[in-house]
């Protein structure tokens, strides 16, 4: 999760493209781990990237991929619960 700290620092430094590139692999992994700590760090990173979402394609891609990964995880969880 150390990449989250770098992604936040890059977003704070007005480098949203680099922040998105740094955060992307971590967020992909985080979507598969239902832990409170991982979820909290993901929320922090996404909150820092949110102001750039509309204007920066790399940031928009991160949100799209992370949302899709979470949707897949929720569907898998629901499917297991039904069984």
Protein backbone atom coordinates (compact mmCIF):
# COMPACT_ATOMS: atom_id res chain seq x y z
CA UNK A 1 0.00 0.00 0.00
CA UNK A 2 3.02 2.30 0.01
CA UNK A 3 2.13 3.37 -3.52
CA UNK A 4 -0.91 5.13 -2.12
CA UNK A 5 1.27 7.60 -0.26
CA UNK A 6 3.16 8.44 -3.45
CA UNK A 7 -0.08 8.78 -5.42
CA UNK A 8 -1.46 11.20 -2.81
CA UNK A 9 1.77 13.21 -2.86
CA UNK A 10 1.66 13.40 -6.66
CA UNK A 11 -1.96 14.54 -6.62
CA UNK A 12 -1.08 17.17 -4.00
CA UNK A 13 1.75 18.31 -6.28
CA UNK A 14 -0.75 18.83 -9.13
CA UNK A 15 0.55 15.81 -11.07
CA UNK A 16 -2.73 13.93 -11.59
CA UNK A 17 -1.53 11.86 -14.55
CA UNK A 18 1.40 10.47 -12.57
CA UNK A 19 -0.80 10.03 -9.50
CA UNK A 20 -3.27 8.00 -11.56
CA UNK A 21 -0.49 5.87 -13.06
CA UNK A 22 0.91 5.21 -9.59
CA UNK A 23 -2.47 4.49 -8.00
CA UNK A 24 -3.85 2.30 -10.76
CA UNK A 25 -2.10 -1.02 -9.94
CA UNK A 26 -2.72 -0.55 -6.22
CA UNK A 27 -6.41 0.15 -6.74
CA UNK A 28 -6.73 -2.90 -9.00
CA UNK A 29 -5.32 -5.04 -6.21
CA UNK A 30 -7.33 -3.29 -3.51
CA UNK A 31 -10.58 -4.06 -5.30
CA UNK A 32 -9.91 -7.74 -4.61
CA UNK A 33 -9.10 -7.40 -0.91
CA UNK A 34 -12.00 -6.74 1.46
CA UNK A 35 -9.93 -5.18 4.24
CA UNK A 36 -10.73 -2.00 6.14
CA UNK A 37 -7.19 -0.67 5.83
CA UNK A 38 -7.03 -1.26 2.09
CA UNK A 39 -10.46 0.26 1.60
CA UNK A 40 -9.52 3.34 3.60
CA UNK A 41 -6.33 3.94 1.63
CA UNK A 42 -8.26 3.50 -1.61
CA UNK A 43 -10.81 6.09 -0.47
CA UNK A 44 -8.01 8.54 0.39
CA UNK A 45 -6.40 8.17 -3.03
CA UNK A 46 -9.70 8.45 -4.89
CA UNK A 47 -10.65 11.54 -2.89
CA UNK A 48 -7.37 13.18 -3.92
CA UNK A 49 -7.94 12.26 -7.57
CA UNK A 50 -11.61 13.26 -7.66
CA UNK A 51 -11.01 16.95 -8.55
CA UNK A 52 -9.21 15.81 -11.72
CA UNK A 53 -11.76 13.21 -12.76
CA UNK A 54 -13.61 15.29 -15.35
CA UNK A 55 -10.54 16.81 -17.01
CA UNK A 56 -7.79 14.18 -16.91
CA UNK A 57 -8.33 11.02 -18.96
CA UNK A 58 -5.87 8.95 -16.89
CA UNK A 59 -7.78 9.80 -13.71
CA UNK A 60 -11.14 9.03 -15.34
CA UNK A 61 -9.76 5.65 -16.43
CA UNK A 62 -8.72 4.86 -12.85
CA UNK A 63 -12.24 5.59 -11.60
CA UNK A 64 -13.81 3.55 -14.39
CA UNK A 65 -11.57 0.52 -13.78
CA UNK A 66 -11.86 0.69 -10.01
CA UNK A 67 -15.65 0.96 -10.23
CA UNK A 68 -15.79 -2.01 -12.58
CA UNK A 69 -13.56 -4.10 -10.31
CA UNK A 70 -15.73 -3.28 -7.29
CA UNK A 71 -18.88 -4.16 -9.23
CA UNK A 72 -17.36 -7.53 -10.16
CA UNK A 73 -16.42 -8.19 -6.52
CA UNK A 74 -19.93 -7.30 -5.32
CA UNK A 75 -21.51 -9.58 -7.93
CA UNK A 76 -19.23 -12.45 -6.90
CA UNK A 77 -20.06 -11.90 -3.24
CA UNK A 78 -23.79 -11.82 -3.98
CA UNK A 79 -23.50 -14.98 -6.07
CA UNK A 80 -21.74 -16.82 -3.23
CA UNK A 81 -24.39 -15.64 -0.75
CA UNK A 82 -27.19 -17.04 -2.90
CA UNK A 83 -25.63 -20.50 -3.04
